[in-house]
PDB file of N, CA and C in Angstrom:
ATOM      1  N   MET A   1     101.681 110.721 139.527  1.00  0.00           N
ATOM      2  CA  MET A   1     102.280 109.650 138.759  1.00  0.00           C
ATOM      3  C   MET A   1     102.601 110.101 137.336  1.00  0.00           C
ATOM      4  N   GLU A   2     101.687 110.875 136.756  1.00  0.00           N
ATOM      5  CA  GLU A   2     101.877 111.326 135.382  1.00  0.00           C
ATOM      6  C   GLU A   2     103.083 112.259 135.248  1.00  0.00           C
ATOM      7  N   LYS A   3     103.246 113.158 136.232  1.00  0.00           N
ATOM      8  CA  LYS A   3     104.381 114.083 136.187  1.00  0.00           C
ATOM      9  C   LYS A   3     105.702 113.337 136.337  1.00  0.00           C
ATOM     10  N   GLY A   4     105.697 112.277 137.129  1.00  0.00           N
ATOM     11  CA  GLY A   4     106.907 111.475 137.297  1.00  0.00           C
ATOM     12  C   GLY A   4     107.308 110.778 136.006  1.00  0.00           C
ATOM     13  N   LEU A   5     106.325 110.255 135.275  1.00  0.00           N
ATOM     14  CA  LEU A   5     106.625 109.601 134.000  1.00  0.00           C
ATOM     15  C   LEU A   5     107.106 110.600 132.955  1.00  0.00           C
ATOM     16  N   ILE A   6     106.550 111.801 132.978  1.00  0.00           N
ATOM     17  CA  ILE A   6     106.999 112.840 132.053  1.00  0.00           C
ATOM     18  C   ILE A   6     108.443 113.224 132.358  1.00  0.00           C
ATOM     19  N   ALA A   7     108.761 113.359 133.652  1.00  0.00           N
ATOM     20  CA  ALA A   7     110.135 113.687 134.039  1.00  0.00           C
ATOM     21  C   ALA A   7     111.095 112.560 133.666  1.00  0.00           C
ATOM     22  N   LEU A   8     110.664 111.324 133.825  1.00  0.00           N
ATOM     23  CA  LEU A   8     111.494 110.185 133.445  1.00  0.00           C
ATOM     24  C   LEU A   8     111.733 110.162 131.938  1.00  0.00           C
ATOM     25  N   ALA A   9     110.713 110.465 131.165  1.00  0.00           N
ATOM     26  CA  ALA A   9     110.861 110.507 129.712  1.00  0.00           C
ATOM     27  C   ALA A   9     111.840 111.601 129.294  1.00  0.00           C
ATOM     28  N   ALA A  10     111.760 112.754 129.943  1.00  0.00           N
ATOM     29  CA  ALA A  10     112.687 113.845 129.626  1.00  0.00           C
ATOM     30  C   ALA A  10     114.117 113.471 130.014  1.00  0.00           C
ATOM     31  N   ALA A  11     114.275 112.802 131.150  1.00  0.00           N
ATOM     32  CA  ALA A  11     115.609 112.379 131.577  1.00  0.00           C
ATOM     33  C   ALA A  11     116.190 111.356 130.615  1.00  0.00           C
ATOM     34  N   LEU A  12     115.372 110.438 130.155  1.00  0.00           N
ATOM     35  CA  LEU A  12     115.844 109.443 129.192  1.00  0.00           C
ATOM     36  C   LEU A  12     116.165 110.075 127.844  1.00  0.00           C
ATOM     37  N   ALA A  13     115.440 111.126 127.483  1.00  0.00           N
ATOM     38  CA  ALA A  13     115.706 111.816 126.220  1.00  0.00           C
ATOM     39  C   ALA A  13     117.070 112.482 126.226  1.00  0.00           C
ATOM     40  N   ILE A  14     117.598 112.777 127.393  1.00  0.00           N
ATOM     41  CA  ILE A  14     118.937 113.362 127.491  1.00  0.00           C
ATOM     42  C   ILE A  14     119.981 112.286 127.772  1.00  0.00           C
ATOM     43  N   ALA A  15     119.659 111.331 128.621  1.00  0.00           N
ATOM     44  CA  ALA A  15     120.651 110.353 129.069  1.00  0.00           C
ATOM     45  C   ALA A  15     121.075 109.391 127.966  1.00  0.00           C
ATOM     46  N   ILE A  16     120.143 108.883 127.198  1.00  0.00           N
ATOM     47  CA  ILE A  16     120.488 107.896 126.173  1.00  0.00           C
ATOM     48  C   ILE A  16     121.373 108.509 125.081  1.00  0.00           C
ATOM     49  N   PRO A  17     121.022 109.673 124.518  1.00  0.00           N
ATOM     50  CA  PRO A  17     121.939 110.270 123.542  1.00  0.00           C
ATOM     51  C   PRO A  17     123.287 110.654 124.144  1.00  0.00           C
ATOM     52  N   ALA A  18     123.303 111.027 125.420  1.00  0.00           N
ATOM     53  CA  ALA A  18     124.578 111.386 126.057  1.00  0.00           C
ATOM     54  C   ALA A  18     125.488 110.168 126.155  1.00  0.00           C
ATOM     55  N   LEU A  19     124.935 109.022 126.519  1.00  0.00           N
ATOM     56  CA  LEU A  19     125.737 107.806 126.572  1.00  0.00           C
ATOM     57  C   LEU A  19     126.207 107.384 125.182  1.00  0.00           C
ATOM     58  N   ALA A  20     125.330 107.491 124.194  1.00  0.00           N
ATOM     59  CA  ALA A  20     125.716 107.147 122.822  1.00  0.00           C
ATOM     60  C   ALA A  20     126.804 108.083 122.305  1.00  0.00           C
ATOM     61  N   THR A  21     126.704 109.355 122.642  1.00  0.00           N
ATOM     62  CA  THR A  21     127.714 110.314 122.234  1.00  0.00           C
ATOM     63  C   THR A  21     129.054 110.016 122.888  1.00  0.00           C
ATOM     64  N   ALA A  22     129.035 109.676 124.161  1.00  0.00           N
ATOM     65  CA  ALA A  22     130.281 109.346 124.859  1.00  0.00           C
ATOM     66  C   ALA A  22     130.943 108.131 124.223  1.00  0.00           C
ATOM     67  N   TRP A  23     130.154 107.125 123.880  1.00  0.00           N
ATOM     68  CA  TRP A  23     130.705 105.927 123.248  1.00  0.00           C
ATOM     69  C   TRP A  23     131.295 106.268 121.876  1.00  0.00           C
ATOM     70  N   ALA A  24     130.543 107.050 121.080  1.00  0.00           N
ATOM     71  CA  ALA A  24     131.016 107.416 119.740  1.00  0.00           C
ATOM     72  C   ALA A  24     132.280 108.266 119.809  1.00  0.00           C
ATOM     73  N   GLN A  25     132.312 109.217 120.733  1.00  0.00           N
ATOM     74  CA  GLN A  25     133.481 110.075 120.835  1.00  0.00           C
ATOM     75  C   GLN A  25     134.707 109.318 121.331  1.00  0.00           C
ATOM     76  N   SER A  26     134.509 108.296 122.143  1.00  0.00           N
ATOM     77  CA  SER A  26     135.663 107.512 122.577  1.00  0.00           C
ATOM     78  C   SER A  26     136.259 106.752 121.397  1.00  0.00           C
ATOM     79  N   ARG A  27     135.414 106.214 120.541  1.00  0.00           N
ATOM     80  CA  ARG A  27     135.906 105.505 119.355  1.00  0.00           C
ATOM     81  C   ARG A  27     136.549 106.465 118.363  1.00  0.00           C
ATOM     82  N   ILE A  28     135.893 107.579 118.112  1.00  0.00           N
ATOM     83  CA  ILE A  28     136.426 108.558 117.161  1.00  0.00           C
ATOM     84  C   ILE A  28     137.710 109.170 117.691  1.00  0.00           C
ATOM     85  N   GLY A  29     137.758 109.444 118.994  1.00  0.00           N
ATOM     86  CA  GLY A  29     138.950 110.054 119.585  1.00  0.00           C
ATOM     87  C   GLY A  29     140.169 109.170 119.487  1.00  0.00           C
ATOM     88  N   SER A  30     140.010 107.881 119.760  1.00  0.00           N
ATOM     89  CA  SER A  30     141.167 106.992 119.682  1.00  0.00           C
ATOM     90  C   SER A  30     141.627 106.808 118.242  1.00  0.00           C
ATOM     91  N   ALA A  31     140.688 106.675 117.320  1.00  0.00           N
ATOM     92  CA  ALA A  31     141.064 106.555 115.915  1.00  0.00           C
ATOM     93  C   ALA A  31     141.660 107.868 115.402  1.00  0.00           C
ATOM     94  N   GLY A  32     141.094 108.978 115.850  1.00  0.00           N
ATOM     95  CA  GLY A  32     141.611 110.285 115.431  1.00  0.00           C
ATOM     96  C   GLY A  32     143.005 110.553 115.948  1.00  0.00           C
ATOM     97  N   ALA A  33     143.297 110.107 117.170  1.00  0.00           N
ATOM     98  CA  ALA A  33     144.641 110.293 117.709  1.00  0.00           C
ATOM     99  C   ALA A  33     145.664 109.522 116.885  1.00  0.00           C
ATOM    100  N   GLY A  34     145.294 108.321 116.472  1.00  0.00           N
ATOM    101  CA  GLY A  34     146.187 107.542 115.625  1.00  0.00           C
ATOM    102  C   GLY A  34     146.379 108.177 114.257  1.00  0.00           C
ATOM    103  N   ALA A  35     145.305 108.718 113.704  1.00  0.00           N
ATOM    104  CA  ALA A  35     145.398 109.358 112.389  1.00  0.00           C
ATOM    105  C   ALA A  35     146.244 110.617 112.445  1.00  0.00           C
ATOM    106  N   VAL A  36     146.079 111.411 113.502  1.00  0.00           N
ATOM    107  CA  VAL A  36     146.859 112.649 113.637  1.00  0.00           C
ATOM    108  C   VAL A  36     148.333 112.335 113.896  1.00  0.00           C
ATOM    109  N   ALA A  37     148.603 111.225 114.569  1.00  0.00           N
ATOM    110  CA  ALA A  37     149.993 110.843 114.806  1.00  0.00           C
ATOM    111  C   ALA A  37     150.695 110.520 113.490  1.00  0.00           C
ATOM    112  N   GLU A  38     149.955 109.943 112.538  1.00  0.00           N
ATOM    113  CA  GLU A  38     150.551 109.607 111.252  1.00  0.00           C
ATOM    114  C   GLU A  38     150.522 110.777 110.273  1.00  0.00           C
ATOM    115  N   LYS A  39     149.421 111.528 110.264  1.00  0.00           N
ATOM    116  CA  LYS A  39     149.273 112.661 109.347  1.00  0.00           C
ATOM    117  C   LYS A  39     148.768 113.864 110.126  1.00  0.00           C
ATOM    118  N   PRO A  40     149.641 114.746 110.584  1.00  0.00           N
ATOM    119  CA  PRO A  40     149.216 115.903 111.392  1.00  0.00           C
ATOM    120  C   PRO A  40     148.245 116.850 110.675  1.00  0.00           C
ATOM    121  N   GLU A  41     148.206 116.828 109.359  1.00  0.00           N
ATOM    122  CA  GLU A  41     147.309 117.730 108.631  1.00  0.00           C
ATOM    123  C   GLU A  41     145.843 117.322 108.769  1.00  0.00           C
ATOM    124  N   LEU A  42     145.567 116.177 109.351  1.00  0.00           N
ATOM    125  CA  LEU A  42     144.183 115.730 109.550  1.00  0.00           C
ATOM    126  C   LEU A  42     143.565 116.242 110.845  1.00  0.00           C
ATOM    127  N   SER A  43     144.260 117.077 111.576  1.00  0.00           N
ATOM    128  CA  SER A  43     143.758 117.502 112.886  1.00  0.00           C
ATOM    129  C   SER A  43     142.436 118.262 112.782  1.00  0.00           C
ATOM    130  N   GLY A  44     142.255 119.082 111.776  1.00  0.00           N
ATOM    131  CA  GLY A  44     140.997 119.813 111.608  1.00  0.00           C
ATOM    132  C   GLY A  44     139.830 118.880 111.332  1.00  0.00           C
ATOM    133  N   VAL A  45     140.059 117.875 110.517  1.00  0.00           N
ATOM    134  CA  VAL A  45     139.013 116.899 110.203  1.00  0.00           C
ATOM    135  C   VAL A  45     138.635 116.104 111.449  1.00  0.00           C
ATOM    136  N   VAL A  46     139.627 115.726 112.245  1.00  0.00           N
ATOM    137  CA  VAL A  46     139.365 114.955 113.457  1.00  0.00           C
ATOM    138  C   VAL A  46     138.547 115.780 114.449  1.00  0.00           C
ATOM    139  N   ILE A  47     138.846 117.053 114.580  1.00  0.00           N
ATOM    140  CA  ILE A  47     138.081 117.912 115.490  1.00  0.00           C
ATOM    141  C   ILE A  47     136.617 117.986 115.047  1.00  0.00           C
ATOM    142  N   ILE A  48     136.389 118.104 113.751  1.00  0.00           N
ATOM    143  CA  ILE A  48     135.013 118.147 113.238  1.00  0.00           C
ATOM    144  C   ILE A  48     134.311 116.823 113.484  1.00  0.00           C
ATOM    145  N   LEU A  49     135.011 115.709 113.265  1.00  0.00           N
ATOM    146  CA  LEU A  49     134.401 114.400 113.482  1.00  0.00           C
ATOM    147  C   LEU A  49     134.078 114.148 114.954  1.00  0.00           C
ATOM    148  N   ILE A  50     134.861 114.717 115.851  1.00  0.00           N
ATOM    149  CA  ILE A  50     134.563 114.576 117.276  1.00  0.00           C
ATOM    150  C   ILE A  50     133.359 115.442 117.659  1.00  0.00           C
ATOM    151  N   ALA A  51     133.185 116.576 116.996  1.00  0.00           N
ATOM    152  CA  ALA A  51     132.092 117.491 117.339  1.00  0.00           C
ATOM    153  C   ALA A  51     130.735 117.037 116.791  1.00  0.00           C
ATOM    154  N   ILE A  52     130.725 116.241 115.736  1.00  0.00           N
ATOM    155  CA  ILE A  52     129.460 115.844 115.104  1.00  0.00           C
ATOM    156  C   ILE A  52     128.543 115.073 116.055  1.00  0.00           C
ATOM    157  N   PRO A  53     129.029 114.090 116.826  1.00  0.00           N
ATOM    158  CA  PRO A  53     128.101 113.376 117.724  1.00  0.00           C
ATOM    159  C   PRO A  53     127.479 114.255 118.809  1.00  0.00           C
ATOM    160  N   GLU A  54     128.072 115.396 119.112  1.00  0.00           N
ATOM    161  CA  GLU A  54     127.504 116.301 120.122  1.00  0.00           C
ATOM    162  C   GLU A  54     126.113 116.777 119.724  1.00  0.00           C
ATOM    163  N   THR A  55     125.807 116.759 118.435  1.00  0.00           N
ATOM    164  CA  THR A  55     124.479 117.192 118.007  1.00  0.00           C
ATOM    165  C   THR A  55     123.396 116.276 118.557  1.00  0.00           C
ATOM    166  N   MET A  56     123.740 115.003 118.830  1.00  0.00           N
ATOM    167  CA  MET A  56     122.741 114.102 119.419  1.00  0.00           C
ATOM    168  C   MET A  56     122.318 114.585 120.797  1.00  0.00           C
ATOM    169  N   VAL A  57     123.268 115.068 121.582  1.00  0.00           N
ATOM    170  CA  VAL A  57     122.934 115.562 122.926  1.00  0.00           C
ATOM    171  C   VAL A  57     122.111 116.840 122.818  1.00  0.00           C
ATOM    172  N   ILE A  58     122.464 117.703 121.899  1.00  0.00           N
ATOM    173  CA  ILE A  58     121.696 118.940 121.713  1.00  0.00           C
ATOM    174  C   ILE A  58     120.265 118.609 121.304  1.00  0.00           C
ATOM    175  N   LEU A  59     120.094 117.652 120.395  1.00  0.00           N
ATOM    176  CA  LEU A  59     118.741 117.248 120.010  1.00  0.00           C
ATOM    177  C   LEU A  59     118.016 116.583 121.171  1.00  0.00           C
ATOM    178  N   GLY A  60     118.737 115.877 122.033  1.00  0.00           N
ATOM    179  CA  GLY A  60     118.130 115.305 123.232  1.00  0.00           C
ATOM    180  C   GLY A  60     117.591 116.386 124.151  1.00  0.00           C
ATOM    181  N   PHE A  61     118.354 117.484 124.306  1.00  0.00           N
ATOM    182  CA  PHE A  61     117.874 118.609 125.105  1.00  0.00           C
ATOM    183  C   PHE A  61     116.612 119.215 124.490  1.00  0.00           C
ATOM    184  N   VAL A  62     116.583 119.315 123.164  1.00  0.00           N
ATOM    185  CA  VAL A  62     115.399 119.871 122.503  1.00  0.00           C
ATOM    186  C   VAL A  62     114.188 118.979 122.735  1.00  0.00           C
ATOM    187  N   ILE A  63     114.363 117.672 122.594  1.00  0.00           N
ATOM    188  CA  ILE A  63     113.257 116.749 122.821  1.00  0.00           C
ATOM    189  C   ILE A  63     112.787 116.801 124.269  1.00  0.00           C
ATOM    190  N   ALA A  64     113.737 116.867 125.208  1.00  0.00           N
ATOM    191  CA  ALA A  64     113.364 116.963 126.629  1.00  0.00           C
ATOM    192  C   ALA A  64     112.582 118.241 126.898  1.00  0.00           C
ATOM    193  N   TYR A  65     112.991 119.325 126.279  1.00  0.00           N
ATOM    194  CA  TYR A  65     112.257 120.582 126.435  1.00  0.00           C
ATOM    195  C   TYR A  65     110.838 120.450 125.889  1.00  0.00           C
ATOM    196  N   LEU A  66     110.723 119.801 124.723  1.00  0.00           N
ATOM    197  CA  LEU A  66     109.385 119.631 124.134  1.00  0.00           C
ATOM    198  C   LEU A  66     108.520 118.714 124.994  1.00  0.00           C
ATOM    199  N   ILE A  67     109.126 117.704 125.606  1.00  0.00           N
ATOM    200  CA  ILE A  67     108.362 116.821 126.481  1.00  0.00           C
ATOM    201  C   ILE A  67     107.865 117.568 127.718  1.00  0.00           C
ATOM    202  N   LEU A  68     108.725 118.419 128.275  1.00  0.00           N
ATOM    203  CA  LEU A  68     108.363 119.118 129.515  1.00  0.00           C
ATOM    204  C   LEU A  68     107.428 120.301 129.294  1.00  0.00           C
ATOM    205  N   SER A  69     107.396 120.821 128.081  1.00  0.00           N
ATOM    206  CA  SER A  69     106.523 121.991 127.853  1.00  0.00           C
ATOM    207  C   SER A  69     105.192 121.610 127.243  1.00  0.00           C
TER     208      SER A  69
END
């Protein structure tokens, strides 16, 4: 039972940030597409803004690793 709860905690540590990242990137992507359509010089900034939420998933992997080890 204990190993199952540990595995569930590790899965949640990855799943919740992944869902939050997907939601954030969908909002940033649609706004970024509109911004790039009006000002093409903002494309570099939009790429950086889309990449920032990915750090949540990476930190989720780190937490899951710490939970499992």
